[in-house]
Amino acid sequence: MILTRNIWLFALILIMIGLMIQGCTATPPQPLMITTALPLPVRPALPAINSAELRCLNDAVYERVAERNRMLRQYAERLEVVIKSTHSPREPSTAAGDSKPP
């Protein structure tokens, strides 16, 4: 009876070790990343401002307005790059001299 009990205990320990080893070696599934192309909005047509309209501004205010416009333009360009990065890459076009004859 003691021998049977020891055999069952030994078998149980072996099963548990086998399950632990199997659990440790299994690799977890990798998440599947699906990207969706974001729509690229059309750039707005900005109203033109001529120099006569800006003549009333002193130099400090004019420089701030120019800096603000530059920063907004750069920000919009960075956002366009981010949006375009979600689009699928296009095939590189070959130059006329690089193409092989069929």
PDB file of N, CA and C in Angstrom:
ATOM      1  N   MET A   1       0.814  -1.186   0.000  1.00  0.00           N
ATOM      2  CA  MET A   1       0.000   0.000   0.000  1.00  0.00           C
ATOM      3  C   MET A   1       0.861   1.255   0.000  1.00  0.00           C
ATOM      4  N   ILE A   2       1.938   1.229   0.795  1.00  0.00           N
ATOM      5  CA  ILE A   2       2.849   2.377   0.811  1.00  0.00           C
ATOM      6  C   ILE A   2       3.542   2.500  -0.533  1.00  0.00           C
ATOM      7  N   LEU A   3       3.879   1.372  -1.128  1.00  0.00           N
ATOM      8  CA  LEU A   3       4.538   1.396  -2.427  1.00  0.00           C
ATOM      9  C   LEU A   3       3.607   1.978  -3.489  1.00  0.00           C
ATOM     10  N   THR A   4       2.349   1.630  -3.474  1.00  0.00           N
ATOM     11  CA  THR A   4       1.383   2.164  -4.432  1.00  0.00           C
ATOM     12  C   THR A   4       1.212   3.663  -4.220  1.00  0.00           C
ATOM     13  N   ARG A   5       1.195   4.054  -2.995  1.00  0.00           N
ATOM     14  CA  ARG A   5       1.058   5.481  -2.689  1.00  0.00           C
ATOM     15  C   ARG A   5       2.269   6.256  -3.212  1.00  0.00           C
ATOM     16  N   ASN A   6       3.472   5.729  -3.039  1.00  0.00           N
ATOM     17  CA  ASN A   6       4.690   6.370  -3.528  1.00  0.00           C
ATOM     18  C   ASN A   6       4.714   6.429  -5.050  1.00  0.00           C
ATOM     19  N   ILE A   7       4.207   5.412  -5.705  1.00  0.00           N
ATOM     20  CA  ILE A   7       4.174   5.404  -7.172  1.00  0.00           C
ATOM     21  C   ILE A   7       3.219   6.500  -7.670  1.00  0.00           C
ATOM     22  N   TRP A   8       2.046   6.586  -7.040  1.00  0.00           N
ATOM     23  CA  TRP A   8       1.095   7.629  -7.433  1.00  0.00           C
ATOM     24  C   TRP A   8       1.662   9.021  -7.175  1.00  0.00           C
ATOM     25  N   LEU A   9       2.330   9.204  -6.058  1.00  0.00           N
ATOM     26  CA  LEU A   9       2.939  10.494  -5.742  1.00  0.00           C
ATOM     27  C   LEU A   9       4.036  10.833  -6.749  1.00  0.00           C
ATOM     28  N   PHE A  10       4.867   9.816  -7.088  1.00  0.00           N
ATOM     29  CA  PHE A  10       5.928  10.021  -8.072  1.00  0.00           C
ATOM     30  C   PHE A  10       5.328  10.362  -9.440  1.00  0.00           C
ATOM     31  N   ALA A  11       4.258   9.667  -9.828  1.00  0.00           N
ATOM     32  CA  ALA A  11       3.604   9.933 -11.113  1.00  0.00           C
ATOM     33  C   ALA A  11       3.010  11.340 -11.129  1.00  0.00           C
ATOM     34  N   LEU A  12       2.409  11.726 -10.026  1.00  0.00           N
ATOM     35  CA  LEU A  12       1.832  13.067  -9.932  1.00  0.00           C
ATOM     36  C   LEU A  12       2.914  14.138 -10.041  1.00  0.00           C
ATOM     37  N   ILE A  13       4.038  13.917  -9.380  1.00  0.00           N
ATOM     38  CA  ILE A  13       5.158  14.877  -9.461  1.00  0.00           C
ATOM     39  C   ILE A  13       5.683  14.957 -10.884  1.00  0.00           C
ATOM     40  N   LEU A  14       5.825  13.826 -11.557  1.00  0.00           N
ATOM     41  CA  LEU A  14       6.292  13.842 -12.948  1.00  0.00           C
ATOM     42  C   LEU A  14       5.319  14.575 -13.858  1.00  0.00           C
ATOM     43  N   ILE A  15       4.028  14.383 -13.652  1.00  0.00           N
ATOM     44  CA  ILE A  15       3.035  15.082 -14.468  1.00  0.00           C
ATOM     45  C   ILE A  15       3.113  16.589 -14.224  1.00  0.00           C
ATOM     46  N   MET A  16       3.238  16.974 -12.976  1.00  0.00           N
ATOM     47  CA  MET A  16       3.332  18.402 -12.663  1.00  0.00           C
ATOM     48  C   MET A  16       4.593  19.018 -13.257  1.00  0.00           C
ATOM     49  N   ILE A  17       5.721  18.320 -13.173  1.00  0.00           N
ATOM     50  CA  ILE A  17       6.970  18.832 -13.768  1.00  0.00           C
ATOM     51  C   ILE A  17       6.804  18.953 -15.283  1.00  0.00           C
ATOM     52  N   GLY A  18       6.177  17.948 -15.895  1.00  0.00           N
ATOM     53  CA  GLY A  18       5.951  17.998 -17.341  1.00  0.00           C
ATOM     54  C   GLY A  18       5.080  19.179 -17.740  1.00  0.00           C
ATOM     55  N   LEU A  19       4.035  19.431 -16.972  1.00  0.00           N
ATOM     56  CA  LEU A  19       3.169  20.574 -17.275  1.00  0.00           C
ATOM     57  C   LEU A  19       3.890  21.896 -17.067  1.00  0.00           C
ATOM     58  N   MET A  20       4.725  21.972 -16.038  1.00  0.00           N
ATOM     59  CA  MET A  20       5.468  23.223 -15.803  1.00  0.00           C
ATOM     60  C   MET A  20       6.475  23.480 -16.911  1.00  0.00           C
ATOM     61  N   ILE A  21       7.154  22.434 -17.355  1.00  0.00           N
ATOM     62  CA  ILE A  21       8.137  22.604 -18.433  1.00  0.00           C
ATOM     63  C   ILE A  21       7.429  22.998 -19.718  1.00  0.00           C
ATOM     64  N   GLN A  22       6.316  22.375 -19.989  1.00  0.00           N
ATOM     65  CA  GLN A  22       5.569  22.708 -21.199  1.00  0.00           C
ATOM     66  C   GLN A  22       5.055  24.139 -21.136  1.00  0.00           C
ATOM     67  N   GLY A  23       4.599  24.591 -20.006  1.00  0.00           N
ATOM     68  CA  GLY A  23       4.094  25.949 -19.858  1.00  0.00           C
ATOM     69  C   GLY A  23       5.186  26.986 -19.998  1.00  0.00           C
ATOM     70  N   CYS A  24       6.386  26.677 -19.589  1.00  0.00           N
ATOM     71  CA  CYS A  24       7.493  27.629 -19.657  1.00  0.00           C
ATOM     72  C   CYS A  24       8.035  27.773 -21.076  1.00  0.00           C
ATOM     73  N   THR A  25       7.971  26.695 -21.856  1.00  0.00           N
ATOM     74  CA  THR A  25       8.559  26.752 -23.193  1.00  0.00           C
ATOM     75  C   THR A  25       7.600  27.295 -24.238  1.00  0.00           C
ATOM     76  N   ALA A  26       6.331  27.352 -23.933  1.00  0.00           N
ATOM     77  CA  ALA A  26       5.365  27.856 -24.918  1.00  0.00           C
ATOM     78  C   ALA A  26       5.541  29.363 -25.080  1.00  0.00           C
ATOM     79  N   THR A  27       5.625  29.813 -26.315  1.00  0.00           N
ATOM     80  CA  THR A  27       5.754  31.249 -26.565  1.00  0.00           C
ATOM     81  C   THR A  27       4.365  31.867 -26.654  1.00  0.00           C
ATOM     82  N   PRO A  28       4.193  33.016 -26.052  1.00  0.00           N
ATOM     83  CA  PRO A  28       2.873  33.656 -26.120  1.00  0.00           C
ATOM     84  C   PRO A  28       2.609  34.164 -27.537  1.00  0.00           C
ATOM     85  N   PRO A  29       1.363  34.193 -27.945  1.00  0.00           N
ATOM     86  CA  PRO A  29       1.057  34.683 -29.298  1.00  0.00           C
ATOM     87  C   PRO A  29       1.393  36.169 -29.423  1.00  0.00           C
ATOM     88  N   GLN A  30       1.925  36.529 -30.567  1.00  0.00           N
ATOM     89  CA  GLN A  30       2.281  37.915 -30.835  1.00  0.00           C
ATOM     90  C   GLN A  30       1.045  38.667 -31.314  1.00  0.00           C
ATOM     91  N   PRO A  31       0.860  39.915 -30.865  1.00  0.00           N
ATOM     92  CA  PRO A  31      -0.301  40.677 -31.331  1.00  0.00           C
ATOM     93  C   PRO A  31      -0.171  41.011 -32.814  1.00  0.00           C
ATOM     94  N   LEU A  32      -1.262  40.985 -33.507  1.00  0.00           N
ATOM     95  CA  LEU A  32      -1.289  41.306 -34.930  1.00  0.00           C
ATOM     96  C   LEU A  32      -1.600  42.785 -35.080  1.00  0.00           C
ATOM     97  N   MET A  33      -0.673  43.524 -35.666  1.00  0.00           N
ATOM     98  CA  MET A  33      -0.846  44.964 -35.853  1.00  0.00           C
ATOM     99  C   MET A  33      -1.410  45.210 -37.250  1.00  0.00           C
ATOM    100  N   ILE A  34      -2.562  45.837 -37.294  1.00  0.00           N
ATOM    101  CA  ILE A  34      -3.192  46.182 -38.571  1.00  0.00           C
ATOM    102  C   ILE A  34      -3.253  47.701 -38.644  1.00  0.00           C
ATOM    103  N   THR A  35      -2.595  48.258 -39.648  1.00  0.00           N
ATOM    104  CA  THR A  35      -2.623  49.711 -39.798  1.00  0.00           C
ATOM    105  C   THR A  35      -3.656  50.085 -40.854  1.00  0.00           C
ATOM    106  N   THR A  36      -4.312  51.171 -40.600  1.00  0.00           N
ATOM    107  CA  THR A  36      -5.305  51.693 -41.533  1.00  0.00           C
ATOM    108  C   THR A  36      -4.805  53.030 -42.048  1.00  0.00           C
ATOM    109  N   ALA A  37      -4.857  53.211 -43.349  1.00  0.00           N
ATOM    110  CA  ALA A  37      -4.404  54.463 -43.939  1.00  0.00           C
ATOM    111  C   ALA A  37      -5.334  55.595 -43.518  1.00  0.00           C
ATOM    112  N   LEU A  38      -4.756  56.611 -42.932  1.00  0.00           N
ATOM    113  CA  LEU A  38      -5.535  57.776 -42.526  1.00  0.00           C
ATOM    114  C   LEU A  38      -5.773  58.676 -43.727  1.00  0.00           C
ATOM    115  N   PRO A  39      -6.939  59.301 -43.813  1.00  0.00           N
ATOM    116  CA  PRO A  39      -7.181  60.199 -44.942  1.00  0.00           C
ATOM    117  C   PRO A  39      -6.351  61.474 -44.805  1.00  0.00           C
ATOM    118  N   LEU A  40      -5.807  61.900 -45.896  1.00  0.00           N
ATOM    119  CA  LEU A  40      -5.006  63.122 -45.922  1.00  0.00           C
ATOM    120  C   LEU A  40      -5.912  64.277 -46.322  1.00  0.00           C
ATOM    121  N   PRO A  41      -6.195  65.189 -45.393  1.00  0.00           N
ATOM    122  CA  PRO A  41      -7.084  66.305 -45.735  1.00  0.00           C
ATOM    123  C   PRO A  41      -6.427  67.256 -46.736  1.00  0.00           C
ATOM    124  N   VAL A  42      -7.257  67.910 -47.494  1.00  0.00           N
ATOM    125  CA  VAL A  42      -6.776  68.880 -48.473  1.00  0.00           C
ATOM    126  C   VAL A  42      -6.297  70.119 -47.719  1.00  0.00           C
ATOM    127  N   ARG A  43      -5.169  70.657 -48.161  1.00  0.00           N
ATOM    128  CA  ARG A  43      -4.667  71.887 -47.524  1.00  0.00           C
ATOM    129  C   ARG A  43      -5.625  73.037 -47.806  1.00  0.00           C
ATOM    130  N   PRO A  44      -5.902  73.837 -46.805  1.00  0.00           N
ATOM    131  CA  PRO A  44      -6.827  74.954 -47.033  1.00  0.00           C
ATOM    132  C   PRO A  44      -6.141  76.061 -47.846  1.00  0.00           C
ATOM    133  N   ALA A  45      -6.934  76.777 -48.612  1.00  0.00           N
ATOM    134  CA  ALA A  45      -6.421  77.930 -49.351  1.00  0.00           C
ATOM    135  C   ALA A  45      -6.395  79.109 -48.379  1.00  0.00           C
ATOM    136  N   LEU A  46      -5.213  79.525 -48.013  1.00  0.00           N
ATOM    137  CA  LEU A  46      -5.073  80.612 -47.048  1.00  0.00           C
ATOM    138  C   LEU A  46      -5.236  81.960 -47.734  1.00  0.00           C
ATOM    139  N   PRO A  47      -5.880  82.887 -47.066  1.00  0.00           N
ATOM    140  CA  PRO A  47      -6.029  84.213 -47.675  1.00  0.00           C
ATOM    141  C   PRO A  47      -4.678  84.930 -47.758  1.00  0.00           C
ATOM    142  N   ALA A  48      -4.483  85.631 -48.841  1.00  0.00           N
ATOM    143  CA  ALA A  48      -3.237  86.365 -49.032  1.00  0.00           C
ATOM    144  C   ALA A  48      -3.280  87.678 -48.247  1.00  0.00           C
ATOM    145  N   ILE A  49      -2.136  88.056 -47.738  1.00  0.00           N
ATOM    146  CA  ILE A  49      -2.013  89.327 -47.016  1.00  0.00           C
ATOM    147  C   ILE A  49      -0.898  90.114 -47.696  1.00  0.00           C
ATOM    148  N   ASN A  50      -1.218  91.320 -48.132  1.00  0.00           N
ATOM    149  CA  ASN A  50      -0.186  92.109 -48.800  1.00  0.00           C
ATOM    150  C   ASN A  50       0.564  92.973 -47.781  1.00  0.00           C
ATOM    151  N   SER A  51       1.653  93.542 -48.212  1.00  0.00           N
ATOM    152  CA  SER A  51       2.520  94.301 -47.301  1.00  0.00           C
ATOM    153  C   SER A  51       1.838  95.567 -46.774  1.00  0.00           C
ATOM    154  N   ALA A  52       0.934  96.143 -47.552  1.00  0.00           N
ATOM    155  CA  ALA A  52       0.254  97.355 -47.086  1.00  0.00           C
ATOM    156  C   ALA A  52      -0.607  97.066 -45.849  1.00  0.00           C
ATOM    157  N   GLU A  53      -1.169  95.870 -45.784  1.00  0.00           N
ATOM    158  CA  GLU A  53      -1.983  95.503 -44.629  1.00  0.00           C
ATOM    159  C   GLU A  53      -1.140  95.272 -43.381  1.00  0.00           C
ATOM    160  N   LEU A  54       0.100  94.911 -43.575  1.00  0.00           N
ATOM    161  CA  LEU A  54       0.987  94.649 -42.435  1.00  0.00           C
ATOM    162  C   LEU A  54       1.809  95.863 -42.031  1.00  0.00           C
ATOM    163  N   ARG A  55       1.670  96.935 -42.773  1.00  0.00           N
ATOM    164  CA  ARG A  55       2.473  98.127 -42.521  1.00  0.00           C
ATOM    165  C   ARG A  55       2.207  98.729 -41.142  1.00  0.00           C
ATOM    166  N   CYS A  56       1.010  98.561 -40.621  1.00  0.00           N
ATOM    167  CA  CYS A  56       0.664  99.155 -39.332  1.00  0.00           C
ATOM    168  C   CYS A  56       1.311  98.412 -38.158  1.00  0.00           C
ATOM    169  N   LEU A  57       1.852  97.234 -38.405  1.00  0.00           N
ATOM    170  CA  LEU A  57       2.484  96.466 -37.325  1.00  0.00           C
ATOM    171  C   LEU A  57       3.908  96.954 -37.091  1.00  0.00           C
ATOM    172  N   ASN A  58       4.294  97.014 -35.825  1.00  0.00           N
ATOM    173  CA  ASN A  58       5.696  97.350 -35.569  1.00  0.00           C
ATOM    174  C   ASN A  58       6.545  96.108 -35.819  1.00  0.00           C
ATOM    175  N   ASP A  59       7.854  96.266 -35.827  1.00  0.00           N
ATOM    176  CA  ASP A  59       8.754  95.176 -36.208  1.00  0.00           C
ATOM    177  C   ASP A  59       8.628  93.953 -35.297  1.00  0.00           C
ATOM    178  N   ALA A  60       8.474  94.161 -33.998  1.00  0.00           N
ATOM    179  CA  ALA A  60       8.383  93.040 -33.064  1.00  0.00           C
ATOM    180  C   ALA A  60       7.131  92.203 -33.324  1.00  0.00           C
ATOM    181  N   VAL A  61       6.013  92.868 -33.555  1.00  0.00           N
ATOM    182  CA  VAL A  61       4.760  92.150 -33.822  1.00  0.00           C
ATOM    183  C   VAL A  61       4.855  91.438 -35.168  1.00  0.00           C
ATOM    184  N   TYR A  62       5.433  92.081 -36.173  1.00  0.00           N
ATOM    185  CA  TYR A  62       5.586  91.475 -37.496  1.00  0.00           C
ATOM    186  C   TYR A  62       6.432  90.206 -37.398  1.00  0.00           C
ATOM    187  N   GLU A  63       7.510  90.246 -36.622  1.00  0.00           N
ATOM    188  CA  GLU A  63       8.369  89.070 -36.465  1.00  0.00           C
ATOM    189  C   GLU A  63       7.627  87.938 -35.755  1.00  0.00           C
ATOM    190  N   ARG A  64       6.799  88.276 -34.763  1.00  0.00           N
ATOM    191  CA  ARG A  64       6.009  87.242 -34.074  1.00  0.00           C
ATOM    192  C   ARG A  64       4.998  86.604 -35.021  1.00  0.00           C
ATOM    193  N   VAL A  65       4.354  87.427 -35.852  1.00  0.00           N
ATOM    194  CA  VAL A  65       3.388  86.894 -36.818  1.00  0.00           C
ATOM    195  C   VAL A  65       4.101  85.981 -37.822  1.00  0.00           C
ATOM    196  N   ALA A  66       5.262  86.406 -38.307  1.00  0.00           N
ATOM    197  CA  ALA A  66       6.021  85.594 -39.261  1.00  0.00           C
ATOM    198  C   ALA A  66       6.475  84.285 -38.608  1.00  0.00           C
ATOM    199  N   GLU A  67       6.930  84.344 -37.365  1.00  0.00           N
ATOM    200  CA  GLU A  67       7.357  83.137 -36.640  1.00  0.00           C
ATOM    201  C   GLU A  67       6.165  82.199 -36.414  1.00  0.00           C
ATOM    202  N   ARG A  68       5.020  82.757 -36.068  1.00  0.00           N
ATOM    203  CA  ARG A  68       3.816  81.966 -35.862  1.00  0.00           C
ATOM    204  C   ARG A  68       3.423  81.245 -37.147  1.00  0.00           C
ATOM    205  N   ASN A  69       3.442  81.938 -38.260  1.00  0.00           N
ATOM    206  CA  ASN A  69       3.102  81.318 -39.543  1.00  0.00           C
ATOM    207  C   ASN A  69       4.084  80.199 -39.891  1.00  0.00           C
ATOM    208  N   ARG A  70       5.368  80.433 -39.636  1.00  0.00           N
ATOM    209  CA  ARG A  70       6.379  79.421 -39.922  1.00  0.00           C
ATOM    210  C   ARG A  70       6.149  78.175 -39.059  1.00  0.00           C
ATOM    211  N   MET A  71       5.869  78.379 -37.771  1.00  0.00           N
ATOM    212  CA  MET A  71       5.642  77.257 -36.864  1.00  0.00           C
ATOM    213  C   MET A  71       4.391  76.461 -37.256  1.00  0.00           C
ATOM    214  N   LEU A  72       3.323  77.152 -37.650  1.00  0.00           N
ATOM    215  CA  LEU A  72       2.113  76.466 -38.089  1.00  0.00           C
ATOM    216  C   LEU A  72       2.360  75.659 -39.368  1.00  0.00           C
ATOM    217  N   ARG A  73       3.130  76.216 -40.296  1.00  0.00           N
ATOM    218  CA  ARG A  73       3.440  75.516 -41.538  1.00  0.00           C
ATOM    219  C   ARG A  73       4.247  74.246 -41.244  1.00  0.00           C
ATOM    220  N   GLN A  74       5.264  74.363 -40.379  1.00  0.00           N
ATOM    221  CA  GLN A  74       6.081  73.201 -40.034  1.00  0.00           C
ATOM    222  C   GLN A  74       5.255  72.134 -39.302  1.00  0.00           C
ATOM    223  N   TYR A  75       4.355  72.574 -38.444  1.00  0.00           N
ATOM    224  CA  TYR A  75       3.487  71.641 -37.729  1.00  0.00           C
ATOM    225  C   TYR A  75       2.600  70.875 -38.711  1.00  0.00           C
ATOM    226  N   ALA A  76       2.019  71.585 -39.664  1.00  0.00           N
ATOM    227  CA  ALA A  76       1.169  70.943 -40.676  1.00  0.00           C
ATOM    228  C   ALA A  76       1.979  69.958 -41.520  1.00  0.00           C
ATOM    229  N   GLU A  77       3.213  70.320 -41.856  1.00  0.00           N
ATOM    230  CA  GLU A  77       4.059  69.421 -42.646  1.00  0.00           C
ATOM    231  C   GLU A  77       4.400  68.156 -41.855  1.00  0.00           C
ATOM    232  N   ARG A  78       4.660  68.286 -40.551  1.00  0.00           N
ATOM    233  CA  ARG A  78       4.943  67.111 -39.719  1.00  0.00           C
ATOM    234  C   ARG A  78       3.716  66.205 -39.633  1.00  0.00           C
ATOM    235  N   LEU A  79       2.533  66.806 -39.504  1.00  0.00           N
ATOM    236  CA  LEU A  79       1.308  66.001 -39.456  1.00  0.00           C
ATOM    237  C   LEU A  79       1.072  65.277 -40.780  1.00  0.00           C
ATOM    238  N   GLU A  80       1.383  65.922 -41.882  1.00  0.00           N
ATOM    239  CA  GLU A  80       1.249  65.269 -43.186  1.00  0.00           C
ATOM    240  C   GLU A  80       2.173  64.060 -43.280  1.00  0.00           C
ATOM    241  N   VAL A  81       3.389  64.190 -42.754  1.00  0.00           N
ATOM    242  CA  VAL A  81       4.329  63.066 -42.779  1.00  0.00           C
ATOM    243  C   VAL A  81       3.780  61.904 -41.947  1.00  0.00           C
ATOM    244  N   VAL A  82       3.194  62.205 -40.801  1.00  0.00           N
ATOM    245  CA  VAL A  82       2.619  61.154 -39.952  1.00  0.00           C
ATOM    246  C   VAL A  82       1.474  60.468 -40.674  1.00  0.00           C
ATOM    247  N   ILE A  83       0.599  61.235 -41.295  1.00  0.00           N
ATOM    248  CA  ILE A  83      -0.537  60.650 -42.009  1.00  0.00           C
ATOM    249  C   ILE A  83      -0.055  59.822 -43.191  1.00  0.00           C
ATOM    250  N   LYS A  84       0.907  60.325 -43.934  1.00  0.00           N
ATOM    251  CA  LYS A  84       1.418  59.591 -45.097  1.00  0.00           C
ATOM    252  C   LYS A  84       2.141  58.314 -44.679  1.00  0.00           C
ATOM    253  N   SER A  85       2.654  58.265 -43.453  1.00  0.00           N
ATOM    254  CA  SER A  85       3.341  57.060 -42.998  1.00  0.00           C
ATOM    255  C   SER A  85       2.373  55.901 -42.791  1.00  0.00           C
ATOM    256  N   THR A  86       1.076  56.177 -42.690  1.00  0.00           N
ATOM    257  CA  THR A  86       0.092  55.106 -42.545  1.00  0.00           C
ATOM    258  C   THR A  86      -0.319  54.528 -43.888  1.00  0.00           C
ATOM    259  N   HIS A  87       0.064  55.157 -44.976  1.00  0.00           N
ATOM    260  CA  HIS A  87      -0.267  54.661 -46.309  1.00  0.00           C
ATOM    261  C   HIS A  87       0.736  53.592 -46.700  1.00  0.00           C
ATOM    262  N   SER A  88       0.305  52.649 -47.526  1.00  0.00           N
ATOM    263  CA  SER A  88       1.195  51.573 -47.940  1.00  0.00           C
ATOM    264  C   SER A  88       2.287  52.139 -48.840  1.00  0.00           C
ATOM    265  N   PRO A  89       3.497  51.583 -48.734  1.00  0.00           N
ATOM    266  CA  PRO A  89       4.591  52.093 -49.567  1.00  0.00           C
ATOM    267  C   PRO A  89       4.354  51.738 -51.028  1.00  0.00           C
ATOM    268  N   ARG A  90       4.732  52.637 -51.879  1.00  0.00           N
ATOM    269  CA  ARG A  90       4.576  52.417 -53.320  1.00  0.00           C
ATOM    270  C   ARG A  90       5.820  51.742 -53.855  1.00  0.00           C
ATOM    271  N   GLU A  91       5.652  51.060 -54.990  1.00  0.00           N
ATOM    272  CA  GLU A  91       6.783  50.431 -55.653  1.00  0.00           C
ATOM    273  C   GLU A  91       7.710  51.518 -56.186  1.00  0.00           C
ATOM    274  N   PRO A  92       9.025  51.370 -55.975  1.00  0.00           N
ATOM    275  CA  PRO A  92       9.929  52.385 -56.514  1.00  0.00           C
ATOM    276  C   PRO A  92       9.924  52.342 -58.038  1.00  0.00           C
ATOM    277  N   SER A  93       9.834  53.499 -58.632  1.00  0.00           N
ATOM    278  CA  SER A  93       9.817  53.547 -60.090  1.00  0.00           C
ATOM    279  C   SER A  93      11.237  53.410 -60.611  1.00  0.00           C
ATOM    280  N   THR A  94      11.383  52.705 -61.722  1.00  0.00           N
ATOM    281  CA  THR A  94      12.710  52.517 -62.304  1.00  0.00           C
ATOM    282  C   THR A  94      12.932  53.560 -63.377  1.00  0.00           C
ATOM    283  N   ALA A  95      14.151  54.005 -63.468  1.00  0.00           N
ATOM    284  CA  ALA A  95      14.500  54.974 -64.509  1.00  0.00           C
ATOM    285  C   ALA A  95      14.507  54.277 -65.868  1.00  0.00           C
ATOM    286  N   ALA A  96      14.449  55.046 -66.944  1.00  0.00           N
ATOM    287  CA  ALA A  96      14.367  54.477 -68.289  1.00  0.00           C
ATOM    288  C   ALA A  96      15.594  53.625 -68.587  1.00  0.00           C
ATOM    289  N   GLY A  97      16.760  54.014 -68.110  1.00  0.00           N
ATOM    290  CA  GLY A  97      17.978  53.257 -68.398  1.00  0.00           C
ATOM    291  C   GLY A  97      18.140  52.028 -67.529  1.00  0.00           C
ATOM    292  N   ASP A  98      17.407  51.929 -66.420  1.00  0.00           N
ATOM    293  CA  ASP A  98      17.553  50.817 -65.498  1.00  0.00           C
ATOM    294  C   ASP A  98      16.678  49.622 -65.841  1.00  0.00           C
ATOM    295  N   SER A  99      15.715  49.792 -66.747  1.00  0.00           N
ATOM    296  CA  SER A  99      14.788  48.697 -67.036  1.00  0.00           C
ATOM    297  C   SER A  99      15.479  47.654 -67.899  1.00  0.00           C
ATOM    298  N   LYS A 100      15.128  46.385 -67.621  1.00  0.00           N
ATOM    299  CA  LYS A 100      15.700  45.278 -68.385  1.00  0.00           C
ATOM    300  C   LYS A 100      14.768  44.948 -69.542  1.00  0.00           C
ATOM    301  N   PRO A 101      15.318  44.519 -70.667  1.00  0.00           N
ATOM    302  CA  PRO A 101      14.449  44.117 -71.786  1.00  0.00           C
ATOM    303  C   PRO A 101      13.735  42.824 -71.445  1.00  0.00           C
ATOM    304  N   PRO A 102      12.489  42.628 -71.945  1.00  0.00           N
ATOM    305  CA  PRO A 102      11.726  41.405 -71.623  1.00  0.00           C
ATOM    306  C   PRO A 102      12.299  40.174 -72.236  1.00  0.00           C
TER     307      PRO A 102
END
